[in-house]
Protein backbone atom coordinates (compact mmCIF):
# COMPACT_ATOMS: atom_id res chain seq x y z
CA MET A 1 0.00 0.00 0.00
CA LYS A 2 1.40 3.36 -1.08
CA LYS A 3 2.02 5.88 1.62
CA ALA A 4 -0.28 8.95 1.39
CA PHE A 5 1.07 12.46 1.30
CA THR A 6 1.38 14.02 4.69
CA LEU A 7 -0.25 17.36 5.36
CA ILE A 8 3.14 19.04 5.39
CA GLU A 9 4.02 17.55 2.00
CA LEU A 10 0.72 18.75 0.53
CA LEU A 11 1.31 22.22 1.89
CA VAL A 12 4.79 22.25 0.36
CA VAL A 13 3.38 21.24 -3.05
CA ILE A 14 0.69 23.91 -2.82
CA ALA A 15 3.30 26.51 -1.89
CA ILE A 16 5.48 25.53 -4.86
CA ILE A 17 2.52 25.76 -7.22
CA ALA A 18 1.63 29.19 -5.82
CA ILE A 19 5.21 30.40 -6.29
CA LEU A 20 5.32 29.11 -9.87
CA ALA A 21 1.96 30.74 -10.61
CA ALA A 22 3.18 34.07 -9.23
CA ILE A 23 6.22 33.84 -11.49
CA LEU A 24 4.55 32.55 -14.65
CA PHE A 25 1.23 34.42 -14.73
CA PRO A 26 2.87 37.84 -15.31
CA VAL A 27 5.04 36.23 -17.99
CA PHE A 28 1.95 34.85 -19.73
CA ALA A 29 0.23 38.24 -19.44
CA GLN A 30 3.23 39.99 -20.98
CA ALA A 31 3.38 37.42 -23.78
CA LYS A 32 -0.31 37.97 -24.51
CA LYS A 33 0.17 41.74 -24.60
CA ALA A 34 3.20 41.36 -26.87
CA ALA A 35 1.13 39.25 -29.26
CA LYS A 36 -1.57 41.94 -29.37
CA LYS A 37 1.04 44.63 -29.97
CA SER A 38 2.48 42.58 -32.84
CA SER A 39 -0.99 42.09 -34.34
CA ASP A 40 -1.64 45.83 -34.06
CA LEU A 41 1.64 46.55 -35.85
CA SER A 42 0.60 44.16 -38.62
CA ASN A 43 -2.70 46.04 -38.98
CA ILE A 44 -0.94 49.37 -39.34
CA LYS A 45 1.53 47.90 -41.81
CA GLN A 46 -1.32 46.58 -43.98
CA LEU A 47 -3.18 49.90 -43.79
CA SER A 48 -0.01 51.77 -44.77
CA ILE A 49 0.48 49.50 -47.76
CA GLY A 50 -3.19 49.90 -48.65
CA MET A 51 -2.74 53.66 -48.59
CA HIS A 52 0.22 53.36 -50.95
CA ILE A 53 -1.72 51.16 -53.37
CA TYR A 54 -4.49 53.77 -53.29
CA THR A 55 -2.02 56.50 -54.27
CA SER A 56 -0.79 54.42 -57.21
CA ASP A 57 -4.30 54.68 -58.66
CA TYR A 58 -4.53 58.43 -57.98
CA ASP A 59 -1.29 59.89 -59.37
CA ASP A 60 0.58 59.43 -56.06
CA VAL A 61 -1.94 61.64 -54.24
CA LEU A 62 -3.11 60.70 -50.73
CA PRO A 63 -6.83 60.92 -49.91
CA SER A 64 -8.50 63.43 -47.63
CA ALA A 65 -9.07 62.19 -44.09
CA TYR A 66 -12.76 62.63 -44.86
CA TYR A 67 -15.20 64.59 -46.98
CA HIS A 68 -18.67 65.85 -46.22
CA ARG A 69 -21.29 64.53 -48.62
CA ALA A 70 -22.66 68.05 -48.29
CA TRP A 71 -19.61 69.34 -50.17
CA SER A 72 -21.16 72.39 -51.81
CA PRO A 73 -23.06 74.19 -50.58
CA ALA A 74 -21.27 73.22 -47.38
CA SER A 75 -23.99 72.24 -44.93
CA GLY A 76 -21.92 70.43 -42.30
CA GLY A 77 -20.95 66.82 -41.84
CA THR A 78 -24.06 65.57 -40.10
CA ALA A 79 -26.34 67.09 -42.76
CA ALA A 80 -25.49 64.31 -45.21
CA GLY A 81 -22.78 62.25 -43.52
CA TYR A 82 -19.09 61.64 -44.08
CA ILE A 83 -16.92 59.80 -46.60
CA HIS A 84 -13.94 58.54 -44.61
CA TRP A 85 -10.41 57.47 -45.57
CA SER A 86 -11.11 53.94 -44.33
CA TYR A 87 -13.84 53.63 -46.95
CA MET A 88 -11.49 54.93 -49.64
CA ILE A 89 -8.74 52.39 -48.98
CA GLN A 90 -11.02 49.46 -48.06
CA PRO A 91 -10.98 48.09 -51.66
CA TYR A 92 -7.19 47.83 -51.37
CA VAL A 93 -7.06 46.00 -48.03
CA LYS A 94 -10.31 43.99 -48.35
CA ASN A 95 -10.53 43.30 -44.62
CA GLU A 96 -12.55 45.41 -42.19
CA GLN A 97 -11.09 43.62 -39.17
CA ILE A 98 -7.64 45.13 -39.62
CA PHE A 99 -9.16 48.53 -38.83
CA VAL A 100 -9.71 47.32 -35.24
CA SER A 101 -6.76 47.12 -32.86
CA PRO A 102 -6.56 44.21 -30.39
CA GLY A 103 -5.36 46.82 -27.91
CA ASP A 104 -8.45 49.01 -28.28
CA ALA A 105 -10.39 48.77 -25.01
CA ILE A 106 -13.71 49.62 -26.69
CA GLY A 107 -13.30 47.43 -29.75
CA GLY A 108 -13.15 50.39 -32.11
CA HIS A 109 -15.36 53.45 -32.51
CA ALA A 110 -18.51 53.34 -34.57
CA PRO A 111 -18.80 55.98 -37.31
CA THR A 112 -19.95 59.47 -36.43
CA CYS A 113 -23.24 58.86 -38.24
CA PHE A 114 -24.59 55.33 -37.86
CA ALA A 115 -27.97 53.67 -37.39
CA SER A 116 -29.39 51.42 -34.70
CA ALA A 117 -31.83 49.96 -37.24
CA ASN A 118 -29.11 47.67 -38.56
CA ASN A 119 -27.01 47.62 -35.37
CA ASN A 120 -24.27 49.63 -37.09
CA LYS A 121 -24.20 47.13 -39.97
CA GLY A 122 -24.20 44.27 -37.48
CA LYS A 123 -21.09 45.44 -35.62
CA GLY A 124 -22.66 47.25 -32.66
CA TRP A 125 -21.09 50.27 -30.99
CA PRO A 126 -19.17 51.08 -27.81
CA SER A 127 -20.89 52.09 -24.61
CA GLY A 128 -21.21 55.87 -24.48
CA GLN A 129 -21.38 56.41 -28.22
CA GLN A 130 -24.82 57.28 -29.54
CA ALA A 131 -26.63 55.94 -32.58
CA ASP A 132 -29.18 57.75 -34.75
CA ARG A 133 -27.67 61.22 -34.35
CA CYS A 134 -27.73 62.16 -38.05
CA ALA A 135 -31.27 62.28 -39.43
CA ALA A 136 -31.69 61.68 -43.15
CA GLY A 137 -33.30 64.41 -45.23
CA ASP A 138 -30.61 65.93 -47.42
CA PRO A 139 -31.06 64.74 -51.03
CA ARG A 140 -27.29 64.26 -51.31
CA VAL A 141 -27.50 61.18 -49.08
CA PRO A 142 -27.61 58.04 -51.27
CA ALA A 143 -30.18 55.35 -50.53
CA ASP A 144 -27.53 52.84 -49.42
CA ALA A 145 -26.42 55.28 -46.71
CA ILE A 146 -29.79 55.41 -44.92
CA ALA A 147 -31.22 52.93 -42.40
CA GLY A 148 -34.32 53.54 -40.32
CA GLY A 149 -34.39 57.18 -41.39
CA PHE A 150 -30.84 57.88 -40.21
CA ILE A 151 -27.61 58.50 -42.12
CA MET A 152 -24.73 56.04 -42.26
CA ASP A 153 -21.24 57.30 -43.04
CA TYR A 154 -19.08 55.63 -45.65
CA GLN A 155 -16.66 54.40 -42.99
CA VAL A 156 -15.72 50.98 -41.63
CA PRO A 157 -18.15 49.96 -38.85
CA ARG A 158 -15.49 49.89 -36.11
CA LEU A 159 -12.31 51.95 -36.15
CA SER A 160 -9.16 52.04 -34.00
CA TYR A 161 -6.86 54.07 -36.25
CA THR A 162 -6.48 57.63 -37.46
CA VAL A 163 -4.28 59.60 -39.85
CA ASN A 164 -1.91 62.55 -39.58
CA SER A 165 -3.49 65.66 -41.09
CA ALA A 166 -0.06 67.06 -42.01
CA LEU A 167 -0.22 64.52 -44.86
CA ILE A 168 -3.91 63.60 -45.12
CA PRO A 169 -6.01 66.76 -44.82
CA ARG A 170 -9.31 67.65 -43.25
CA MET A 171 -10.57 68.85 -46.61
CA ARG A 172 -14.19 68.55 -45.56
CA ASN A 173 -15.99 70.72 -48.08
CA SER A 174 -15.75 73.50 -50.66
CA LEU A 175 -15.01 76.09 -47.95
CA ASP A 176 -11.88 74.24 -46.88
CA ALA A 177 -10.75 73.83 -50.48
CA ALA A 178 -11.24 77.55 -51.11
CA ALA A 179 -9.17 78.33 -47.99
CA GLY A 180 -6.18 76.43 -49.38
CA VAL A 181 -6.61 73.02 -47.77
CA HIS A 182 -5.63 70.38 -50.32
CA THR A 183 -4.61 66.78 -50.82
CA VAL A 184 -0.92 65.91 -51.00
CA SER A 185 1.29 64.01 -53.41
CA ILE A 186 3.27 61.51 -51.40
CA THR A 187 6.29 62.36 -53.59
CA THR A 188 6.47 65.85 -52.04
CA VAL A 189 7.02 64.65 -48.47
CA ASP A 190 10.54 65.54 -47.29
CA SER A 191 11.25 62.40 -45.29
CA PRO A 192 8.67 59.66 -46.01
CA ALA A 193 10.33 57.16 -43.65
CA GLY A 194 10.37 59.77 -40.88
CA THR A 195 6.85 61.16 -41.25
CA ILE A 196 3.86 59.55 -39.54
CA MET A 197 0.92 58.73 -41.79
CA ILE A 198 -1.28 56.29 -39.80
CA THR A 199 -1.43 55.53 -36.08
CA GLY A 200 -3.78 54.61 -33.26
CA LEU A 201 -7.02 56.44 -32.48
CA THR A 202 -7.73 56.99 -28.80
CA ASP A 203 -10.24 54.65 -27.17
CA GLN A 204 -11.25 57.41 -24.75
CA LEU A 205 -14.51 58.82 -26.13
CA GLU A 206 -14.18 62.01 -24.09
CA CYS A 207 -10.72 62.73 -25.51
CA LEU A 208 -11.83 62.24 -29.09
CA ASN A 209 -14.56 64.83 -29.05
CA GLY A 210 -15.35 66.28 -25.66
CA GLN A 211 -17.57 69.04 -26.94
CA SER A 212 -19.84 66.66 -28.81
CA LEU A 213 -20.07 64.16 -25.97
CA GLY A 214 -20.74 66.91 -23.49
CA THR A 215 -23.88 67.91 -25.35
CA GLY A 216 -24.90 64.35 -26.15
CA ILE A 217 -24.72 64.96 -29.88
CA ARG A 218 -22.23 62.50 -31.33
CA ASN A 219 -18.71 61.16 -31.14
CA SER A 220 -16.62 62.29 -34.08
CA SER A 221 -14.67 59.15 -34.91
CA HIS A 222 -14.03 60.43 -38.44
CA ARG A 223 -11.49 62.98 -37.24
CA SER A 224 -7.75 62.98 -37.88
CA THR A 225 -4.95 63.94 -35.51
CA ASN A 226 -1.93 66.21 -35.92
CA GLY A 227 1.21 67.28 -34.08
CA VAL A 228 0.96 71.07 -34.25
CA THR A 229 -0.54 73.97 -32.34
CA ARG A 230 -1.04 77.67 -33.02
CA ASN A 231 1.11 78.92 -30.14
CA ALA A 232 4.48 78.10 -28.63
CA ALA A 233 2.85 77.22 -25.29
CA ASN A 234 1.05 74.31 -27.02
CA THR A 235 -2.37 75.36 -25.74
CA GLN A 236 -4.16 76.41 -28.95
CA GLN A 237 -5.31 73.57 -31.18
CA TYR A 238 -4.87 73.69 -34.93
CA LEU A 239 -7.69 72.19 -36.97
CA GLY A 240 -6.31 72.67 -40.47
CA GLU A 241 -9.64 73.70 -41.97
CA ASN A 242 -11.10 76.93 -43.36
CA THR A 243 -11.39 78.54 -39.91
CA ASP A 244 -7.64 78.43 -39.23
CA ALA A 245 -5.93 77.19 -42.40
CA ALA A 246 -4.03 80.45 -42.80
CA SER A 247 -2.82 80.56 -39.18
CA THR A 248 0.90 81.20 -38.85
CA PRO A 249 3.22 80.37 -37.31
CA LEU A 250 2.56 76.72 -36.45
CA TYR A 251 4.46 75.04 -33.63
CA ALA A 252 5.56 71.49 -32.95
CA LEU A 253 4.42 69.82 -29.76
CA ASN A 254 6.83 69.78 -26.84
CA TYR A 255 6.44 66.68 -24.66
CA ASN A 256 7.07 68.53 -21.40
CA GLN A 257 4.56 71.25 -22.25
CA ILE A 258 1.72 68.86 -23.04
CA THR A 259 2.33 66.60 -20.03
CA ASN A 260 3.42 69.04 -17.30
CA PRO A 261 1.91 70.52 -15.18
CA VAL A 262 -1.24 69.29 -16.97
CA ASN A 263 -1.09 66.01 -18.87
CA ILE A 264 -3.57 66.59 -21.68
CA PHE A 265 -4.00 62.84 -22.26
CA THR A 266 -5.24 62.47 -18.68
CA ALA A 267 -7.11 65.76 -18.46
CA CYS A 268 -9.21 65.10 -21.55
CA LYS A 269 -10.73 62.01 -19.91
CA THR A 270 -12.23 63.90 -16.99
CA ASN A 271 -12.41 67.44 -18.35
CA PRO A 272 -13.48 67.16 -22.01
CA ALA A 273 -12.87 70.37 -23.91
CA GLY A 274 -12.60 71.62 -27.44
CA THR A 275 -9.30 73.38 -26.79
CA TYR A 276 -6.77 70.57 -26.41
CA PRO A 277 -4.30 70.01 -29.27
CA LEU A 278 -5.64 67.36 -31.63
CA ILE A 279 -2.90 64.97 -30.53
CA THR A 280 -5.39 63.90 -27.84
CA TYR A 281 -7.21 62.03 -30.63
CA HIS A 282 -4.16 59.74 -30.78
CA SER A 283 -3.65 56.63 -28.62
CA ALA A 284 -0.17 57.84 -27.75
CA LEU A 285 0.35 55.37 -24.89
CA ARG A 286 -1.59 52.33 -26.16
CA TRP A 287 1.45 50.10 -25.67
CA ASN A 288 3.00 51.42 -22.45
CA GLU A 289 4.99 54.54 -23.41
CA GLY A 290 4.21 54.55 -27.11
CA ASP A 291 2.27 53.23 -30.07
CA ASN A 292 2.74 51.67 -33.47
CA TYR A 293 3.20 54.10 -36.35
CA GLY A 294 2.88 53.71 -40.11
CA THR A 295 5.04 56.18 -42.01
CA ALA A 296 4.70 57.70 -45.45
CA ASP A 297 7.09 55.21 -47.03
CA GLY A 298 4.69 52.36 -46.19
CA SER A 299 6.71 50.93 -43.29
CA ALA A 300 5.49 50.49 -39.70
CA LYS A 301 7.26 50.39 -36.35
CA PHE A 302 6.68 50.80 -32.62
CA ARG A 303 8.03 54.04 -31.20
CA LYS A 304 7.87 55.76 -27.86
CA PHE A 305 5.56 58.73 -28.21
CA ALA A 306 8.08 61.18 -26.74
CA GLN A 307 10.59 60.15 -29.41
CA THR A 308 8.19 61.15 -32.19
CA LEU A 309 8.33 64.72 -30.81
CA ASN A 310 12.11 65.09 -30.97
CA VAL A 311 12.50 68.37 -32.89
CA SER A 312 15.64 67.18 -34.67
CA SER A 313 13.65 64.30 -36.18
CA TYR A 314 10.06 65.48 -35.72
CA MET A 315 7.81 62.73 -37.04
CA TRP A 316 4.53 64.66 -37.27
CA GLY A 317 5.73 66.66 -40.26
CA LYS A 318 8.41 69.21 -41.02
CA SER A 319 5.62 71.16 -42.69
CA MET A 320 1.83 71.09 -42.90
CA TYR A 321 1.89 69.74 -46.45
CA THR A 322 -1.90 69.89 -46.59
CA VAL A 323 -2.02 73.67 -46.13
CA SER A 324 0.49 75.21 -48.54
CA GLY A 325 3.42 73.51 -46.82
CA GLN A 326 3.49 75.84 -43.82
CA GLN A 327 6.64 75.34 -41.76
CA VAL A 328 6.37 73.71 -38.33
CA LEU A 329 8.54 75.50 -35.76
CA ASP A 330 10.29 74.32 -32.62
CA PRO A 331 8.40 76.09 -29.79
CA ILE A 332 11.65 76.57 -27.85
CA SER A 333 14.06 77.86 -30.52
CA GLY A 334 11.55 79.21 -33.04
CA LEU A 335 13.40 77.43 -35.86
CA GLN A 336 11.85 74.93 -38.24
CA VAL A 337 11.95 71.37 -36.95
CA ASN A 338 14.28 68.75 -38.47
CA GLN A 339 17.14 71.20 -39.02
């Protein structure tokens, strides 16, 4: 007859198992996170390639971040809905799932205008975002963009990524075009490998569009980000549309100024406002201290966010190529970045 384990022996085994679990569980968690980060990088790489294939069909010209269907006369985005960059490059990537990051806590934003009648085309929407905010009525809305009497944007149903408006403009309507906002030939970019084109979109609804959420209107997931402001203190946002297209000078973001004494990425969660620089639309810290970035040459790589703001290799654009190539200045020295 085999001798049974004594109580002490059982306790020793249990203690060993507990020690191993304490050691291995964090390792497994880190491995899982690393796998998600790698999958996210693959998504951005595929989107960057898709953007390049798009330009090959359009004389090397990048798309607009979005257009209003109500182009002219310009009646606003919600009057007839939006046509988004994700819709424009979708034929080249042929996979809606790569527009959703495995690191996105809300599973991707729904479009700005979407309908509950078809459950956002069967994909649902995150808690806090509101359906049926864009009523149909404008004759410029096509029949396939209406469900239950509400407008649907031409945009992928769930979205975790955004674009840099230094390269891909907010040319929303005829007013923006008349103010000098324009699309950009990728061949004119000074340093394609060093200029961000596509990156993560914040999963904080309040940070994406505080003013809209505050009034319960909508969440503007169509919007693009940028790395510039209208003052050296980094407190005045730059939209890059007809209201401020001609604003000069434009300043690069300084990491210390946007994180100290007020960290805008934290403040926008609890104090939504329409004044923060548009970098708050970016998931700058999705993977610890940084995010994955797709650059204008079609490559993709993880970078620490602070490194993208180094003024000697400023990755958000040496110029605002989408608005007459306005120079972007170092807020400390006053000289153009990347000198």
